Amino acid sequence: MVARDGIAIVSPLGEHDACTADVFRNALDRHAHQGFGVIVDLARTEYIDSAILGVVLTTWRQCQADGRAFGIVLPPDASTFIHRLMDTSGLRPVLPLYDDLESAIAQLDADEPHQLTG
């Protein structure tokens, strides 16, 4: 985790699933309790399952409720599986996705937190 401009950047490396969901949730919660906005950087993540996606969605909703910034970095060249998960889940047009970390930071600094619709 790296904190930058009041935003915690969490970059899970490798593969993450139900077995690592609690560790991932604890890392995100730790920053939430410090009042940070959150960026989940999936640039070097190879695999996530629905348990991890659920943790991400819960964190996003918590950030919205608290008025904190939230974003997900998912570069075009990131894991094909994660791109497919975003598409098949229908979350790509809903989640605040960014192509790179610098764009996410710049946008989160400039915008209001993304609101859940629907």
PDB file of N, CA and C in Angstrom:
ATOM      1  N   MET A   1       0.840  -1.175   0.000  1.00  0.00           N
ATOM      2  CA  MET A   1       0.000   0.000   0.000  1.00  0.00           C
ATOM      3  C   MET A   1       0.880   1.232   0.000  1.00  0.00           C
ATOM      4  N   VAL A   2       0.467   2.197  -0.783  1.00  0.00           N
ATOM      5  CA  VAL A   2       1.140   3.483  -0.829  1.00  0.00           C
ATOM      6  C   VAL A   2       0.064   4.542  -0.636  1.00  0.00           C
ATOM      7  N   ALA A   3       0.309   5.516   0.199  1.00  0.00           N
ATOM      8  CA  ALA A   3      -0.635   6.613   0.370  1.00  0.00           C
ATOM      9  C   ALA A   3      -0.097   7.825  -0.387  1.00  0.00           C
ATOM     10  N   ARG A   4      -0.977   8.435  -1.155  1.00  0.00           N
ATOM     11  CA  ARG A   4      -0.571   9.569  -1.967  1.00  0.00           C
ATOM     12  C   ARG A   4      -1.734  10.545  -2.067  1.00  0.00           C
ATOM     13  N   ASP A   5      -1.542  11.767  -1.675  1.00  0.00           N
ATOM     14  CA  ASP A   5      -2.575  12.790  -1.768  1.00  0.00           C
ATOM     15  C   ASP A   5      -3.879  12.363  -1.108  1.00  0.00           C
ATOM     16  N   GLY A   6      -3.798  11.699   0.042  1.00  0.00           N
ATOM     17  CA  GLY A   6      -4.997  11.267   0.750  1.00  0.00           C
ATOM     18  C   GLY A   6      -5.684  10.064   0.145  1.00  0.00           C
ATOM     19  N   ILE A   7      -4.988   9.388  -0.753  1.00  0.00           N
ATOM     20  CA  ILE A   7      -5.546   8.206  -1.413  1.00  0.00           C
ATOM     21  C   ILE A   7      -4.632   7.026  -1.139  1.00  0.00           C
ATOM     22  N   ALA A   8      -5.207   5.928  -0.663  1.00  0.00           N
ATOM     23  CA  ALA A   8      -4.446   4.695  -0.465  1.00  0.00           C
ATOM     24  C   ALA A   8      -4.468   3.921  -1.777  1.00  0.00           C
ATOM     25  N   ILE A   9      -3.308   3.514  -2.224  1.00  0.00           N
ATOM     26  CA  ILE A   9      -3.187   2.737  -3.455  1.00  0.00           C
ATOM     27  C   ILE A   9      -2.850   1.307  -3.068  1.00  0.00           C
ATOM     28  N   VAL A  10      -3.761   0.400  -3.343  1.00  0.00           N
ATOM     29  CA  VAL A  10      -3.603  -1.005  -3.003  1.00  0.00           C
ATOM     30  C   VAL A  10      -3.389  -1.768  -4.302  1.00  0.00           C
ATOM     31  N   SER A  11      -2.257  -2.449  -4.403  1.00  0.00           N
ATOM     32  CA  SER A  11      -1.860  -3.129  -5.640  1.00  0.00           C
ATOM     33  C   SER A  11      -1.662  -4.622  -5.398  1.00  0.00           C
ATOM     34  N   PRO A  12      -2.734  -5.404  -5.491  1.00  0.00           N
ATOM     35  CA  PRO A  12      -2.576  -6.844  -5.291  1.00  0.00           C
ATOM     36  C   PRO A  12      -1.770  -7.460  -6.437  1.00  0.00           C
ATOM     37  N   LEU A  13      -0.769  -8.257  -6.095  1.00  0.00           N
ATOM     38  CA  LEU A  13       0.089  -8.876  -7.100  1.00  0.00           C
ATOM     39  C   LEU A  13      -0.298 -10.336  -7.277  1.00  0.00           C
ATOM     40  N   GLY A  14      -0.259 -10.824  -8.483  1.00  0.00           N
ATOM     41  CA  GLY A  14      -0.492 -12.239  -8.733  1.00  0.00           C
ATOM     42  C   GLY A  14      -1.953 -12.612  -8.731  1.00  0.00           C
ATOM     43  N   GLU A  15      -2.247 -13.766  -8.121  1.00  0.00           N
ATOM     44  CA  GLU A  15      -3.593 -14.325  -8.120  1.00  0.00           C
ATOM     45  C   GLU A  15      -4.242 -14.184  -6.749  1.00  0.00           C
ATOM     46  N   HIS A  16      -5.519 -13.802  -6.765  1.00  0.00           N
ATOM     47  CA  HIS A  16      -6.262 -13.626  -5.520  1.00  0.00           C
ATOM     48  C   HIS A  16      -7.652 -14.207  -5.677  1.00  0.00           C
ATOM     49  N   ASP A  17      -8.057 -14.957  -4.650  1.00  0.00           N
ATOM     50  CA  ASP A  17      -9.368 -15.610  -4.683  1.00  0.00           C
ATOM     51  C   ASP A  17      -9.929 -15.671  -3.269  1.00  0.00           C
ATOM     52  N   ALA A  18     -10.913 -16.520  -3.066  1.00  0.00           N
ATOM     53  CA  ALA A  18     -11.563 -16.622  -1.759  1.00  0.00           C
ATOM     54  C   ALA A  18     -10.561 -16.893  -0.634  1.00  0.00           C
ATOM     55  N   CYS A  19      -9.479 -17.557  -0.942  1.00  0.00           N
ATOM     56  CA  CYS A  19      -8.465 -17.869   0.079  1.00  0.00           C
ATOM     57  C   CYS A  19      -7.732 -16.625   0.573  1.00  0.00           C
ATOM     58  N   THR A  20      -7.640 -15.606  -0.254  1.00  0.00           N
ATOM     59  CA  THR A  20      -6.935 -14.383   0.141  1.00  0.00           C
ATOM     60  C   THR A  20      -7.883 -13.205   0.353  1.00  0.00           C
ATOM     61  N   ALA A  21      -9.178 -13.446   0.242  1.00  0.00           N
ATOM     62  CA  ALA A  21     -10.155 -12.355   0.340  1.00  0.00           C
ATOM     63  C   ALA A  21     -10.093 -11.642   1.685  1.00  0.00           C
ATOM     64  N   ASP A  22      -9.929 -12.382   2.777  1.00  0.00           N
ATOM     65  CA  ASP A  22      -9.879 -11.744   4.100  1.00  0.00           C
ATOM     66  C   ASP A  22      -8.664 -10.835   4.247  1.00  0.00           C
ATOM     67  N   VAL A  23      -7.523 -11.268   3.747  1.00  0.00           N
ATOM     68  CA  VAL A  23      -6.312 -10.447   3.808  1.00  0.00           C
ATOM     69  C   VAL A  23      -6.503  -9.177   2.978  1.00  0.00           C
ATOM     70  N   PHE A  24      -7.078  -9.334   1.787  1.00  0.00           N
ATOM     71  CA  PHE A  24      -7.336  -8.197   0.908  1.00  0.00           C
ATOM     72  C   PHE A  24      -8.337  -7.236   1.559  1.00  0.00           C
ATOM     73  N   ARG A  25      -9.410  -7.777   2.134  1.00  0.00           N
ATOM     74  CA  ARG A  25     -10.425  -6.964   2.808  1.00  0.00           C
ATOM     75  C   ARG A  25      -9.793  -6.195   3.977  1.00  0.00           C
ATOM     76  N   ASN A  26      -8.967  -6.862   4.751  1.00  0.00           N
ATOM     77  CA  ASN A  26      -8.325  -6.201   5.894  1.00  0.00           C
ATOM     78  C   ASN A  26      -7.422  -5.062   5.450  1.00  0.00           C
ATOM     79  N   ALA A  27      -6.711  -5.263   4.350  1.00  0.00           N
ATOM     80  CA  ALA A  27      -5.844  -4.192   3.832  1.00  0.00           C
ATOM     81  C   ALA A  27      -6.677  -2.979   3.423  1.00  0.00           C
ATOM     82  N   LEU A  28      -7.778  -3.219   2.739  1.00  0.00           N
ATOM     83  CA  LEU A  28      -8.638  -2.111   2.320  1.00  0.00           C
ATOM     84  C   LEU A  28      -9.307  -1.448   3.525  1.00  0.00           C
ATOM     85  N   ASP A  29      -9.780  -2.250   4.467  1.00  0.00           N
ATOM     86  CA  ASP A  29     -10.441  -1.703   5.659  1.00  0.00           C
ATOM     87  C   ASP A  29      -9.493  -0.850   6.490  1.00  0.00           C
ATOM     88  N   ARG A  30      -8.247  -1.272   6.584  1.00  0.00           N
ATOM     89  CA  ARG A  30      -7.256  -0.529   7.373  1.00  0.00           C
ATOM     90  C   ARG A  30      -7.138   0.905   6.852  1.00  0.00           C
ATOM     91  N   HIS A  31      -7.161   1.069   5.547  1.00  0.00           N
ATOM     92  CA  HIS A  31      -7.038   2.403   4.956  1.00  0.00           C
ATOM     93  C   HIS A  31      -8.343   3.177   5.067  1.00  0.00           C
ATOM     94  N   ALA A  32      -9.455   2.454   4.997  1.00  0.00           N
ATOM     95  CA  ALA A  32     -10.750   3.110   5.138  1.00  0.00           C
ATOM     96  C   ALA A  32     -10.875   3.746   6.514  1.00  0.00           C
ATOM     97  N   HIS A  33     -10.404   3.061   7.524  1.00  0.00           N
ATOM     98  CA  HIS A  33     -10.490   3.588   8.892  1.00  0.00           C
ATOM     99  C   HIS A  33      -9.584   4.797   9.095  1.00  0.00           C
ATOM    100  N   GLN A  34      -8.627   4.982   8.219  1.00  0.00           N
ATOM    101  CA  GLN A  34      -7.749   6.152   8.299  1.00  0.00           C
ATOM    102  C   GLN A  34      -8.309   7.314   7.488  1.00  0.00           C
ATOM    103  N   GLY A  35      -9.461   7.114   6.838  1.00  0.00           N
ATOM    104  CA  GLY A  35     -10.096   8.177   6.078  1.00  0.00           C
ATOM    105  C   GLY A  35      -9.567   8.375   4.678  1.00  0.00           C
ATOM    106  N   PHE A  36      -8.761   7.451   4.186  1.00  0.00           N
ATOM    107  CA  PHE A  36      -8.217   7.564   2.839  1.00  0.00           C
ATOM    108  C   PHE A  36      -9.261   7.223   1.776  1.00  0.00           C
ATOM    109  N   GLY A  37      -9.148   7.875   0.620  1.00  0.00           N
ATOM    110  CA  GLY A  37      -9.794   7.368  -0.569  1.00  0.00           C
ATOM    111  C   GLY A  37      -9.009   6.133  -0.984  1.00  0.00           C
ATOM    112  N   VAL A  38      -9.533   5.350  -1.914  1.00  0.00           N
ATOM    113  CA  VAL A  38      -8.883   4.089  -2.273  1.00  0.00           C
ATOM    114  C   VAL A  38      -8.792   3.944  -3.782  1.00  0.00           C
ATOM    115  N   ILE A  39      -7.617   3.533  -4.236  1.00  0.00           N
ATOM    116  CA  ILE A  39      -7.424   3.072  -5.608  1.00  0.00           C
ATOM    117  C   ILE A  39      -6.959   1.632  -5.524  1.00  0.00           C
ATOM    118  N   VAL A  40      -7.679   0.746  -6.205  1.00  0.00           N
ATOM    119  CA  VAL A  40      -7.267  -0.646  -6.331  1.00  0.00           C
ATOM    120  C   VAL A  40      -6.582  -0.749  -7.689  1.00  0.00           C
ATOM    121  N   ASP A  41      -5.287  -0.977  -7.672  1.00  0.00           N
ATOM    122  CA  ASP A  41      -4.483  -1.028  -8.890  1.00  0.00           C
ATOM    123  C   ASP A  41      -4.312  -2.489  -9.317  1.00  0.00           C
ATOM    124  N   LEU A  42      -5.039  -2.885 -10.368  1.00  0.00           N
ATOM    125  CA  LEU A  42      -5.011  -4.266 -10.848  1.00  0.00           C
ATOM    126  C   LEU A  42      -4.023  -4.470 -11.996  1.00  0.00           C
ATOM    127  N   ALA A  43      -3.119  -3.526 -12.188  1.00  0.00           N
ATOM    128  CA  ALA A  43      -2.182  -3.602 -13.307  1.00  0.00           C
ATOM    129  C   ALA A  43      -1.306  -4.856 -13.262  1.00  0.00           C
ATOM    130  N   ARG A  44      -0.939  -5.303 -12.062  1.00  0.00           N
ATOM    131  CA  ARG A  44      -0.065  -6.476 -11.950  1.00  0.00           C
ATOM    132  C   ARG A  44      -0.769  -7.654 -11.292  1.00  0.00           C
ATOM    133  N   THR A  45      -2.098  -7.630 -11.352  1.00  0.00           N
ATOM    134  CA  THR A  45      -2.902  -8.723 -10.813  1.00  0.00           C
ATOM    135  C   THR A  45      -3.235  -9.665 -11.963  1.00  0.00           C
ATOM    136  N   GLU A  46      -2.984 -10.938 -11.778  1.00  0.00           N
ATOM    137  CA  GLU A  46      -3.224 -11.912 -12.839  1.00  0.00           C
ATOM    138  C   GLU A  46      -4.630 -12.499 -12.805  1.00  0.00           C
ATOM    139  N   TYR A  47      -5.194 -12.619 -11.598  1.00  0.00           N
ATOM    140  CA  TYR A  47      -6.478 -13.291 -11.460  1.00  0.00           C
ATOM    141  C   TYR A  47      -7.185 -12.804 -10.204  1.00  0.00           C
ATOM    142  N   ILE A  48      -8.485 -12.562 -10.313  1.00  0.00           N
ATOM    143  CA  ILE A  48      -9.342 -12.354  -9.152  1.00  0.00           C
ATOM    144  C   ILE A  48     -10.626 -13.136  -9.392  1.00  0.00           C
ATOM    145  N   ASP A  49     -11.239 -13.582  -8.311  1.00  0.00           N
ATOM    146  CA  ASP A  49     -12.507 -14.285  -8.454  1.00  0.00           C
ATOM    147  C   ASP A  49     -13.631 -13.421  -7.882  1.00  0.00           C
ATOM    148  N   SER A  50     -14.822 -14.003  -7.807  1.00  0.00           N
ATOM    149  CA  SER A  50     -15.975 -13.231  -7.345  1.00  0.00           C
ATOM    150  C   SER A  50     -15.833 -12.789  -5.894  1.00  0.00           C
ATOM    151  N   ALA A  51     -15.096 -13.521  -5.072  1.00  0.00           N
ATOM    152  CA  ALA A  51     -14.888 -13.110  -3.686  1.00  0.00           C
ATOM    153  C   ALA A  51     -14.107 -11.797  -3.626  1.00  0.00           C
ATOM    154  N   ILE A  52     -13.078 -11.692  -4.432  1.00  0.00           N
ATOM    155  CA  ILE A  52     -12.276 -10.462  -4.474  1.00  0.00           C
ATOM    156  C   ILE A  52     -13.094  -9.338  -5.090  1.00  0.00           C
ATOM    157  N   LEU A  53     -13.835  -9.644  -6.140  1.00  0.00           N
ATOM    158  CA  LEU A  53     -14.694  -8.629  -6.748  1.00  0.00           C
ATOM    159  C   LEU A  53     -15.709  -8.118  -5.728  1.00  0.00           C
ATOM    160  N   GLY A  54     -16.228  -9.002  -4.906  1.00  0.00           N
ATOM    161  CA  GLY A  54     -17.151  -8.596  -3.847  1.00  0.00           C
ATOM    162  C   GLY A  54     -16.500  -7.663  -2.845  1.00  0.00           C
ATOM    163  N   VAL A  55     -15.253  -7.934  -2.483  1.00  0.00           N
ATOM    164  CA  VAL A  55     -14.516  -7.054  -1.567  1.00  0.00           C
ATOM    165  C   VAL A  55     -14.345  -5.674  -2.206  1.00  0.00           C
ATOM    166  N   VAL A  56     -14.011  -5.646  -3.488  1.00  0.00           N
ATOM    167  CA  VAL A  56     -13.848  -4.374  -4.207  1.00  0.00           C
ATOM    168  C   VAL A  56     -15.166  -3.601  -4.216  1.00  0.00           C
ATOM    169  N   LEU A  57     -16.271  -4.286  -4.509  1.00  0.00           N
ATOM    170  CA  LEU A  57     -17.575  -3.617  -4.546  1.00  0.00           C
ATOM    171  C   LEU A  57     -17.972  -3.084  -3.169  1.00  0.00           C
ATOM    172  N   THR A  58     -17.721  -3.852  -2.132  1.00  0.00           N
ATOM    173  CA  THR A  58     -18.024  -3.406  -0.771  1.00  0.00           C
ATOM    174  C   THR A  58     -17.215  -2.164  -0.421  1.00  0.00           C
ATOM    175  N   THR A  59     -15.942  -2.168  -0.776  1.00  0.00           N
ATOM    176  CA  THR A  59     -15.089  -1.006  -0.505  1.00  0.00           C
ATOM    177  C   THR A  59     -15.580   0.203  -1.272  1.00  0.00           C
ATOM    178  N   TRP A  60     -15.960   0.008  -2.529  1.00  0.00           N
ATOM    179  CA  TRP A  60     -16.489   1.104  -3.351  1.00  0.00           C
ATOM    180  C   TRP A  60     -17.724   1.715  -2.690  1.00  0.00           C
ATOM    181  N   ARG A  61     -18.632   0.874  -2.249  1.00  0.00           N
ATOM    182  CA  ARG A  61     -19.854   1.370  -1.602  1.00  0.00           C
ATOM    183  C   ARG A  61     -19.539   2.087  -0.293  1.00  0.00           C
ATOM    184  N   GLN A  62     -18.570   1.572   0.469  1.00  0.00           N
ATOM    185  CA  GLN A  62     -18.180   2.231   1.718  1.00  0.00           C
ATOM    186  C   GLN A  62     -17.582   3.609   1.430  1.00  0.00           C
ATOM    187  N   CYS A  63     -16.762   3.680   0.400  1.00  0.00           N
ATOM    188  CA  CYS A  63     -16.181   4.976   0.026  1.00  0.00           C
ATOM    189  C   CYS A  63     -17.276   5.957  -0.373  1.00  0.00           C
ATOM    190  N   GLN A  64     -18.247   5.487  -1.139  1.00  0.00           N
ATOM    191  CA  GLN A  64     -19.355   6.356  -1.526  1.00  0.00           C
ATOM    192  C   GLN A  64     -20.110   6.867  -0.309  1.00  0.00           C
ATOM    193  N   ALA A  65     -20.412   5.961   0.603  1.00  0.00           N
ATOM    194  CA  ALA A  65     -21.177   6.325   1.795  1.00  0.00           C
ATOM    195  C   ALA A  65     -20.436   7.350   2.648  1.00  0.00           C
ATOM    196  N   ASP A  66     -19.111   7.244   2.667  1.00  0.00           N
ATOM    197  CA  ASP A  66     -18.285   8.146   3.480  1.00  0.00           C
ATOM    198  C   ASP A  66     -17.827   9.386   2.722  1.00  0.00           C
ATOM    199  N   GLY A  67     -18.173   9.479   1.432  1.00  0.00           N
ATOM    200  CA  GLY A  67     -17.746  10.620   0.625  1.00  0.00           C
ATOM    201  C   GLY A  67     -16.278  10.598   0.265  1.00  0.00           C
ATOM    202  N   ARG A  68     -15.697   9.372   0.246  1.00  0.00           N
ATOM    203  CA  ARG A  68     -14.279   9.239  -0.110  1.00  0.00           C
ATOM    204  C   ARG A  68     -14.137   8.809  -1.566  1.00  0.00           C
ATOM    205  N   ALA A  69     -13.025   9.169  -2.169  1.00  0.00           N
ATOM    206  CA  ALA A  69     -12.739   8.822  -3.556  1.00  0.00           C
ATOM    207  C   ALA A  69     -12.453   7.332  -3.696  1.00  0.00           C
ATOM    208  N   PHE A  70     -12.758   6.789  -4.866  1.00  0.00           N
ATOM    209  CA  PHE A  70     -12.497   5.381  -5.149  1.00  0.00           C
ATOM    210  C   PHE A  70     -12.287   5.218  -6.644  1.00  0.00           C
ATOM    211  N   GLY A  71     -11.339   4.365  -7.018  1.00  0.00           N
ATOM    212  CA  GLY A  71     -11.115   4.040  -8.417  1.00  0.00           C
ATOM    213  C   GLY A  71     -10.398   2.718  -8.550  1.00  0.00           C
ATOM    214  N   ILE A  72     -10.487   2.166  -9.751  1.00  0.00           N
ATOM    215  CA  ILE A  72      -9.816   0.907 -10.065  1.00  0.00           C
ATOM    216  C   ILE A  72      -8.954   1.137 -11.293  1.00  0.00           C
ATOM    217  N   VAL A  73      -7.686   0.774 -11.195  1.00  0.00           N
ATOM    218  CA  VAL A  73      -6.787   0.850 -12.347  1.00  0.00           C
ATOM    219  C   VAL A  73      -6.819  -0.504 -13.035  1.00  0.00           C
ATOM    220  N   LEU A  74      -7.227  -0.497 -14.305  1.00  0.00           N
ATOM    221  CA  LEU A  74      -7.261  -1.706 -15.116  1.00  0.00           C
ATOM    222  C   LEU A  74      -6.767  -1.355 -16.514  1.00  0.00           C
ATOM    223  N   PRO A  75      -5.443  -1.414 -16.706  1.00  0.00           N
ATOM    224  CA  PRO A  75      -4.873  -1.039 -18.000  1.00  0.00           C
ATOM    225  C   PRO A  75      -5.355  -1.959 -19.120  1.00  0.00           C
ATOM    226  N   PRO A  76      -5.343  -1.466 -20.353  1.00  0.00           N
ATOM    227  CA  PRO A  76      -5.753  -2.300 -21.486  1.00  0.00           C
ATOM    228  C   PRO A  76      -4.949  -3.593 -21.597  1.00  0.00           C
ATOM    229  N   ASP A  77      -3.681  -3.570 -21.172  1.00  0.00           N
ATOM    230  CA  ASP A  77      -2.840  -4.769 -21.284  1.00  0.00           C
ATOM    231  C   ASP A  77      -2.832  -5.613 -20.004  1.00  0.00           C
ATOM    232  N   ALA A  78      -3.751  -5.332 -19.082  1.00  0.00           N
ATOM    233  CA  ALA A  78      -3.850  -6.126 -17.854  1.00  0.00           C
ATOM    234  C   ALA A  78      -4.457  -7.490 -18.173  1.00  0.00           C
ATOM    235  N   SER A  79      -4.563  -8.320 -17.179  1.00  0.00           N
ATOM    236  CA  SER A  79      -5.063  -9.679 -17.306  1.00  0.00           C
ATOM    237  C   SER A  79      -6.337  -9.763 -18.139  1.00  0.00           C
ATOM    238  N   THR A  80      -6.287 -10.596 -19.155  1.00  0.00           N
ATOM    239  CA  THR A  80      -7.458 -10.829 -19.996  1.00  0.00           C
ATOM    240  C   THR A  80      -8.609 -11.359 -19.151  1.00  0.00           C
ATOM    241  N   PHE A  81      -8.289 -12.203 -18.179  1.00  0.00           N
ATOM    242  CA  PHE A  81      -9.331 -12.764 -17.325  1.00  0.00           C
ATOM    243  C   PHE A  81     -10.064 -11.664 -16.560  1.00  0.00           C
ATOM    244  N   ILE A  82      -9.335 -10.708 -16.015  1.00  0.00           N
ATOM    245  CA  ILE A  82      -9.982  -9.640 -15.237  1.00  0.00           C
ATOM    246  C   ILE A  82     -10.830  -8.769 -16.155  1.00  0.00           C
ATOM    247  N   HIS A  83     -10.347  -8.487 -17.348  1.00  0.00           N
ATOM    248  CA  HIS A  83     -11.156  -7.736 -18.315  1.00  0.00           C
ATOM    249  C   HIS A  83     -12.446  -8.491 -18.623  1.00  0.00           C
ATOM    250  N   ARG A  84     -12.331  -9.786 -18.831  1.00  0.00           N
ATOM    251  CA  ARG A  84     -13.510 -10.606 -19.133  1.00  0.00           C
ATOM    252  C   ARG A  84     -14.472 -10.618 -17.938  1.00  0.00           C
ATOM    253  N   LEU A  85     -13.947 -10.682 -16.726  1.00  0.00           N
ATOM    254  CA  LEU A  85     -14.780 -10.648 -15.522  1.00  0.00           C
ATOM    255  C   LEU A  85     -15.562  -9.337 -15.443  1.00  0.00           C
ATOM    256  N   MET A  86     -14.907  -8.232 -15.735  1.00  0.00           N
ATOM    257  CA  MET A  86     -15.595  -6.934 -15.722  1.00  0.00           C
ATOM    258  C   MET A  86     -16.709  -6.885 -16.767  1.00  0.00           C
ATOM    259  N   ASP A  87     -16.450  -7.490 -17.927  1.00  0.00           N
ATOM    260  CA  ASP A  87     -17.455  -7.503 -18.994  1.00  0.00           C
ATOM    261  C   ASP A  87     -18.630  -8.412 -18.663  1.00  0.00           C
ATOM    262  N   THR A  88     -18.342  -9.652 -18.271  1.00  0.00           N
ATOM    263  CA  THR A  88     -19.425 -10.610 -18.032  1.00  0.00           C
ATOM    264  C   THR A  88     -20.238 -10.268 -16.785  1.00  0.00           C
ATOM    265  N   SER A  89     -19.641  -9.592 -15.836  1.00  0.00           N
ATOM    266  CA  SER A  89     -20.372  -9.185 -14.634  1.00  0.00           C
ATOM    267  C   SER A  89     -21.236  -7.950 -14.892  1.00  0.00           C
ATOM    268  N   GLY A  90     -21.001  -7.282 -16.007  1.00  0.00           N
ATOM    269  CA  GLY A  90     -21.738  -6.060 -16.313  1.00  0.00           C
ATOM    270  C   GLY A  90     -21.246  -4.847 -15.538  1.00  0.00           C
ATOM    271  N   LEU A  91     -20.092  -4.962 -14.895  1.00  0.00           N
ATOM    272  CA  LEU A  91     -19.595  -3.877 -14.044  1.00  0.00           C
ATOM    273  C   LEU A  91     -18.711  -2.866 -14.771  1.00  0.00           C
ATOM    274  N   ARG A  92     -18.252  -3.192 -15.963  1.00  0.00           N
ATOM    275  CA  ARG A  92     -17.349  -2.267 -16.662  1.00  0.00           C
ATOM    276  C   ARG A  92     -17.949  -0.859 -16.796  1.00  0.00           C
ATOM    277  N   PRO A  93     -19.208  -0.712 -17.231  1.00  0.00           N
ATOM    278  CA  PRO A  93     -19.728   0.660 -17.379  1.00  0.00           C
ATOM    279  C   PRO A  93     -20.115   1.321 -16.056  1.00  0.00           C
ATOM    280  N   VAL A  94     -20.130   0.553 -14.978  1.00  0.00           N
ATOM    281  CA  VAL A  94     -20.589   1.066 -13.693  1.00  0.00           C
ATOM    282  C   VAL A  94     -19.428   1.493 -12.798  1.00  0.00           C
ATOM    283  N   LEU A  95     -18.385   0.685 -12.745  1.00  0.00           N
ATOM    284  CA  LEU A  95     -17.250   0.955 -11.861  1.00  0.00           C
ATOM    285  C   LEU A  95     -16.363   2.069 -12.407  1.00  0.00           C
ATOM    286  N   PRO A  96     -15.735   2.814 -11.522  1.00  0.00           N
ATOM    287  CA  PRO A  96     -14.801   3.863 -11.945  1.00  0.00           C
ATOM    288  C   PRO A  96     -13.450   3.247 -12.334  1.00  0.00           C
ATOM    289  N   LEU A  97     -13.317   2.871 -13.608  1.00  0.00           N
ATOM    290  CA  LEU A  97     -12.108   2.217 -14.121  1.00  0.00           C
ATOM    291  C   LEU A  97     -11.221   3.228 -14.833  1.00  0.00           C
ATOM    292  N   TYR A  98      -9.915   3.062 -14.652  1.00  0.00           N
ATOM    293  CA  TYR A  98      -8.929   3.949 -15.269  1.00  0.00           C
ATOM    294  C   TYR A  98      -7.844   3.118 -15.921  1.00  0.00           C
ATOM    295  N   ASP A  99      -7.283   3.629 -17.017  1.00  0.00           N
ATOM    296  CA  ASP A  99      -6.249   2.907 -17.760  1.00  0.00           C
ATOM    297  C   ASP A  99      -4.901   2.891 -17.062  1.00  0.00           C
ATOM    298  N   ASP A 100      -4.626   3.894 -16.226  1.00  0.00           N
ATOM    299  CA  ASP A 100      -3.335   3.938 -15.545  1.00  0.00           C
ATOM    300  C   ASP A 100      -3.476   4.673 -14.218  1.00  0.00           C
ATOM    301  N   LEU A 101      -2.493   4.487 -13.378  1.00  0.00           N
ATOM    302  CA  LEU A 101      -2.525   5.036 -12.023  1.00  0.00           C
ATOM    303  C   LEU A 101      -2.556   6.556 -12.016  1.00  0.00           C
ATOM    304  N   GLU A 102      -1.763   7.174 -12.852  1.00  0.00           N
ATOM    305  CA  GLU A 102      -1.723   8.641 -12.869  1.00  0.00           C
ATOM    306  C   GLU A 102      -3.073   9.235 -13.258  1.00  0.00           C
ATOM    307  N   SER A 103      -3.758   8.612 -14.229  1.00  0.00           N
ATOM    308  CA  SER A 103      -5.096   9.082 -14.617  1.00  0.00           C
ATOM    309  C   SER A 103      -6.082   8.927 -13.472  1.00  0.00           C
ATOM    310  N   ALA A 104      -5.992   7.814 -12.763  1.00  0.00           N
ATOM    311  CA  ALA A 104      -6.896   7.581 -11.630  1.00  0.00           C
ATOM    312  C   ALA A 104      -6.676   8.639 -10.549  1.00  0.00           C
ATOM    313  N   ILE A 105      -5.430   8.885 -10.201  1.00  0.00           N
ATOM    314  CA  ILE A 105      -5.126   9.875  -9.168  1.00  0.00           C
ATOM    315  C   ILE A 105      -5.618  11.256  -9.593  1.00  0.00           C
ATOM    316  N   ALA A 106      -5.324  11.638 -10.825  1.00  0.00           N
ATOM    317  CA  ALA A 106      -5.735  12.958 -11.316  1.00  0.00           C
ATOM    318  C   ALA A 106      -7.255  13.096 -11.298  1.00  0.00           C
ATOM    319  N   GLN A 107      -7.945  12.086 -11.752  1.00  0.00           N
ATOM    320  CA  GLN A 107      -9.408  12.145 -11.804  1.00  0.00           C
ATOM    321  C   GLN A 107     -10.025  12.157 -10.405  1.00  0.00           C
ATOM    322  N   LEU A 108      -9.497  11.331  -9.521  1.00  0.00           N
ATOM    323  CA  LEU A 108     -10.039  11.277  -8.168  1.00  0.00           C
ATOM    324  C   LEU A 108      -9.773  12.577  -7.415  1.00  0.00           C
ATOM    325  N   ASP A 109      -8.665  13.218  -7.712  1.00  0.00           N
ATOM    326  CA  ASP A 109      -8.394  14.517  -7.096  1.00  0.00           C
ATOM    327  C   ASP A 109      -9.361  15.586  -7.611  1.00  0.00           C
ATOM    328  N   ALA A 110      -9.813  15.440  -8.866  1.00  0.00           N
ATOM    329  CA  ALA A 110     -10.627  16.455  -9.501  1.00  0.00           C
ATOM    330  C   ALA A 110     -12.130  16.262  -9.319  1.00  0.00           C
ATOM    331  N   ASP A 111     -12.565  15.029  -9.157  1.00  0.00           N
ATOM    332  CA  ASP A 111     -13.996  14.715  -9.163  1.00  0.00           C
ATOM    333  C   ASP A 111     -14.568  14.447  -7.794  1.00  0.00           C
ATOM    334  N   GLU A 112     -15.892  14.460  -7.776  1.00  0.00           N
ATOM    335  CA  GLU A 112     -16.633  13.952  -6.629  1.00  0.00           C
ATOM    336  C   GLU A 112     -16.560  12.428  -6.702  1.00  0.00           C
ATOM    337  N   PRO A 113     -16.759  11.732  -5.586  1.00  0.00           N
ATOM    338  CA  PRO A 113     -16.793  10.281  -5.632  1.00  0.00           C
ATOM    339  C   PRO A 113     -17.870   9.776  -6.596  1.00  0.00           C
ATOM    340  N   HIS A 114     -17.594   8.665  -7.283  1.00  0.00           N
ATOM    341  CA  HIS A 114     -18.554   8.064  -8.193  1.00  0.00           C
ATOM    342  C   HIS A 114     -19.743   7.534  -7.412  1.00  0.00           C
ATOM    343  N   GLN A 115     -20.912   7.707  -7.956  1.00  0.00           N
ATOM    344  CA  GLN A 115     -22.127   7.262  -7.293  1.00  0.00           C
ATOM    345  C   GLN A 115     -22.629   5.978  -7.935  1.00  0.00           C
ATOM    346  N   LEU A 116     -23.090   5.053  -7.119  1.00  0.00           N
ATOM    347  CA  LEU A 116     -23.691   3.818  -7.590  1.00  0.00           C
ATOM    348  C   LEU A 116     -25.042   4.142  -8.178  1.00  0.00           C
ATOM    349  N   THR A 117     -25.298   3.673  -9.385  1.00  0.00           N
ATOM    350  CA  THR A 117     -26.583   3.897 -10.032  1.00  0.00           C
ATOM    351  C   THR A 117     -27.293   2.567 -10.202  1.00  0.00           C
ATOM    352  N   GLY A 118     -28.595   2.645 -10.253  1.00  0.00           N
ATOM    353  CA  GLY A 118     -29.374   1.446 -10.533  1.00  0.00           C
ATOM    354  C   GLY A 118     -29.777   0.678  -9.333  1.00  0.00           C
TER     355      GLY A 118
END
